[in-house]
Amino acid sequence: MALENKNTKTEFVNREIRARQILVINDDGTKVGPLNKFEAIKMAEDEGLDLFQVGMQDKNTAIAKILDYGKFKYEQKRKLRENKKNQVKVENKEIRLTVGIGDHDLETKARKAREFLEAGDRLKISLKFKGREIAFQEFGLETLKKFYSKIEDIAKIEKEAKLNTRFLDMYVVPKKG
């Protein structure tokens, strides 16, 4: 575990609060008013809770809430886990083609591309030029258009075909709805 630098600390609790005056908010949400730092900490300790700095009002006055800090941290972690669980993860998949690909092979690759797109993945279609094929880029574009025509009902082009060294790359994403 890395040592924490005091200057980068973002959450201040109890005696870590640096301000002299503290505007205290009770655990039920009522404002108690500006108090001396030590009075505010004593008030929180009397209730068996912690004084947690929520923000700064001005240079010398902090805004702090009386709450159970352990419970607060636990709730934050739980919300973070819940949000992560509900996130949709988009994966990048790739399909490779060649200039002289056969019709049946093109159909097979299109079927696989449909599976990826239906799963909600982003798809990179790469067409590789071998040897002297690079001189006939129009055949490569033609093959890419032919492939896209087989999946265009469920996909839309995110990035048009662009030559990248020996590859002609195009990116497609699933259509919404």
Protein backbone atom coordinates (compact mmCIF):
# COMPACT_ATOMS: atom_id res chain seq x y z
CA MET A 1 0.00 0.00 0.00
CA ALA A 2 1.38 3.40 -0.99
CA LEU A 3 1.90 6.07 1.63
CA GLU A 4 -0.67 8.84 1.46
CA ASN A 5 0.61 12.35 0.93
CA LYS A 6 -0.92 14.82 3.44
CA ASN A 7 -1.31 17.53 0.76
CA THR A 8 -3.47 15.36 -1.50
CA LYS A 9 -5.95 14.25 1.17
CA THR A 10 -9.50 15.17 0.15
CA GLU A 11 -11.59 13.94 3.09
CA PHE A 12 -11.11 15.44 6.53
CA VAL A 13 -12.66 13.91 9.66
CA ASN A 14 -12.71 15.16 13.26
CA ARG A 15 -9.30 16.59 14.23
CA GLU A 16 -8.02 16.52 10.62
CA ILE A 17 -10.26 19.51 9.78
CA ARG A 18 -7.96 22.54 9.50
CA ALA A 19 -10.46 25.43 9.69
CA ARG A 20 -10.92 27.32 12.95
CA GLN A 21 -14.64 27.94 12.47
CA ILE A 22 -17.01 25.18 11.39
CA LEU A 23 -20.57 25.55 10.13
CA VAL A 24 -22.11 22.38 11.60
CA ILE A 25 -24.97 20.43 10.05
CA ASN A 26 -26.60 17.90 12.36
CA ASP A 27 -27.19 14.25 11.36
CA ASP A 28 -30.89 15.06 10.82
CA GLY A 29 -30.01 17.90 8.40
CA THR A 30 -30.56 20.94 10.63
CA LYS A 31 -27.97 23.69 10.75
CA VAL A 32 -26.45 24.21 14.19
CA GLY A 33 -24.46 27.27 13.19
CA PRO A 34 -20.85 28.34 13.11
CA LEU A 35 -18.93 26.88 16.03
CA ASN A 36 -15.35 26.74 17.21
CA LYS A 37 -13.53 23.65 15.86
CA PHE A 38 -13.17 22.02 19.29
CA GLU A 39 -16.80 22.72 20.28
CA ALA A 40 -17.98 21.10 17.03
CA ILE A 41 -15.80 18.01 17.58
CA LYS A 42 -17.02 17.71 21.20
CA MET A 43 -20.63 17.98 19.99
CA ALA A 44 -20.07 15.13 17.50
CA GLU A 45 -18.28 12.97 20.09
CA ASP A 46 -21.14 13.49 22.58
CA GLU A 47 -23.52 12.00 19.99
CA GLY A 48 -21.08 9.14 19.33
CA LEU A 49 -20.58 10.24 15.72
CA ASP A 50 -17.89 11.87 13.60
CA LEU A 51 -17.48 15.38 12.20
CA PHE A 52 -16.97 15.11 8.43
CA GLN A 53 -15.91 18.14 6.32
CA VAL A 54 -18.19 18.49 3.29
CA GLY A 55 -16.79 21.74 1.91
CA MET A 56 -15.45 25.22 2.60
CA GLN A 57 -17.61 28.31 3.01
CA ASP A 58 -14.67 30.71 2.86
CA LYS A 59 -10.96 30.67 3.70
CA ASN A 60 -11.43 30.23 7.47
CA THR A 61 -14.83 28.51 7.72
CA ALA A 62 -15.47 24.86 6.87
CA ILE A 63 -18.84 23.19 6.39
CA ALA A 64 -19.03 19.90 8.27
CA LYS A 65 -21.70 17.30 8.88
CA ILE A 66 -22.16 15.13 11.95
CA LEU A 67 -22.47 11.52 10.78
CA ASP A 68 -21.21 7.97 11.26
CA TYR A 69 -18.08 8.09 9.06
CA GLY A 70 -17.66 4.29 8.83
CA LYS A 71 -21.26 3.88 7.66
CA PHE A 72 -20.82 6.79 5.22
CA LYS A 73 -17.71 5.18 3.64
CA TYR A 74 -19.48 1.80 3.42
CA GLU A 75 -22.48 3.37 1.64
CA GLN A 76 -20.16 5.14 -0.82
CA LYS A 77 -18.38 1.87 -1.69
CA ARG A 78 -21.71 0.06 -2.06
CA LYS A 79 -23.03 2.73 -4.47
CA LEU A 80 -19.79 2.57 -6.47
CA ARG A 81 -20.07 -1.23 -6.77
CA GLU A 82 -23.73 -0.93 -7.79
CA ASN A 83 -22.90 1.66 -10.48
CA LYS A 84 -20.08 -0.53 -11.82
CA LYS A 85 -22.41 -3.52 -11.99
CA ASN A 86 -24.95 -1.56 -14.05
CA GLN A 87 -22.37 -0.26 -16.55
CA VAL A 88 -22.50 -1.59 -20.10
CA LYS A 89 -19.08 -2.71 -21.24
CA VAL A 90 -18.53 -2.29 -24.97
CA GLU A 91 -15.84 -4.55 -26.33
CA ASN A 92 -13.85 -3.98 -29.50
CA LYS A 93 -13.96 -6.94 -31.88
CA GLU A 94 -12.11 -7.31 -35.16
CA ILE A 95 -12.84 -9.13 -38.41
CA ARG A 96 -10.07 -9.52 -40.98
CA LEU A 97 -10.69 -9.75 -44.69
CA THR A 98 -8.48 -9.99 -47.76
CA VAL A 99 -8.95 -8.50 -51.21
CA GLY A 100 -9.65 -11.83 -52.94
CA ILE A 101 -11.96 -13.29 -50.28
CA GLY A 102 -14.56 -15.75 -51.60
CA ASP A 103 -18.31 -15.16 -51.37
CA HIS A 104 -18.88 -18.02 -48.93
CA ASP A 105 -16.07 -16.80 -46.65
CA LEU A 106 -17.52 -13.29 -46.79
CA GLU A 107 -20.93 -14.71 -45.73
CA THR A 108 -19.35 -16.59 -42.82
CA LYS A 109 -17.49 -13.49 -41.61
CA ALA A 110 -20.66 -11.39 -41.98
CA ARG A 111 -22.56 -13.92 -39.85
CA LYS A 112 -19.88 -13.66 -37.14
CA ALA A 113 -19.97 -9.84 -37.41
CA ARG A 114 -23.74 -9.95 -36.83
CA GLU A 115 -23.19 -11.91 -33.62
CA PHE A 116 -20.73 -9.29 -32.37
CA LEU A 117 -23.02 -6.39 -33.28
CA GLU A 118 -26.07 -8.01 -31.70
CA ALA A 119 -24.06 -8.42 -28.49
CA GLY A 120 -23.51 -4.63 -28.59
CA ASP A 121 -19.81 -4.72 -29.46
CA ARG A 122 -17.90 -2.23 -31.59
CA LEU A 123 -16.46 -3.87 -34.69
CA LYS A 124 -13.25 -3.12 -36.58
CA ILE A 125 -13.21 -4.47 -40.10
CA SER A 126 -9.65 -4.78 -41.38
CA LEU A 127 -8.81 -5.60 -44.95
CA LYS A 128 -5.20 -6.71 -45.41
CA PHE A 129 -3.31 -6.03 -48.61
CA LYS A 130 -0.71 -8.65 -49.45
CA GLY A 131 2.24 -7.98 -51.74
CA ARG A 132 1.30 -5.91 -54.79
CA GLU A 133 -2.40 -5.79 -53.90
CA ILE A 134 -1.69 -2.42 -52.23
CA ALA A 135 -1.53 -0.88 -55.71
CA PHE A 136 -5.22 -1.76 -56.27
CA GLN A 137 -6.89 -0.14 -53.29
CA GLU A 138 -10.17 0.27 -55.17
CA PHE A 139 -10.62 -3.55 -55.05
CA GLY A 140 -10.17 -3.39 -51.28
CA LEU A 141 -12.78 -0.65 -50.96
CA GLU A 142 -15.13 -2.69 -53.14
CA THR A 143 -14.70 -5.73 -50.87
CA LEU A 144 -15.35 -3.61 -47.77
CA LYS A 145 -18.53 -2.15 -49.32
CA LYS A 146 -19.68 -5.65 -50.25
CA PHE A 147 -19.10 -6.82 -46.66
CA TYR A 148 -20.85 -3.78 -45.18
CA SER A 149 -23.88 -4.31 -47.43
CA LYS A 150 -24.38 -7.70 -45.70
CA ILE A 151 -24.56 -6.13 -42.22
CA GLU A 152 -25.86 -2.61 -42.91
CA ASP A 153 -29.36 -3.41 -41.56
CA ILE A 154 -27.98 -3.73 -38.00
CA ALA A 155 -24.80 -1.60 -38.19
CA LYS A 156 -23.79 1.96 -38.92
CA ILE A 157 -20.35 3.22 -39.87
CA GLU A 158 -18.55 4.97 -37.04
CA LYS A 159 -15.30 5.62 -38.98
CA GLU A 160 -15.00 5.45 -42.73
CA ALA A 161 -12.41 3.15 -44.33
CA LYS A 162 -8.89 4.53 -43.98
CA LEU A 163 -5.58 3.08 -45.13
CA ASN A 164 -3.24 2.27 -42.25
CA THR A 165 0.07 0.83 -43.58
CA ARG A 166 -1.08 -2.47 -45.19
CA PHE A 167 -4.58 -2.44 -43.69
CA LEU A 168 -7.76 -0.69 -44.78
CA ASP A 169 -9.65 -0.21 -41.50
CA MET A 170 -13.32 0.65 -40.99
CA TYR A 171 -15.21 0.81 -37.68
CA VAL A 172 -18.90 -0.04 -37.30
CA VAL A 173 -21.21 0.06 -34.29
CA PRO A 174 -24.69 -1.42 -33.74
CA LYS A 175 -27.66 0.72 -34.74
CA LYS A 176 -29.75 1.98 -31.84
CA GLY A 177 -33.16 0.36 -31.42
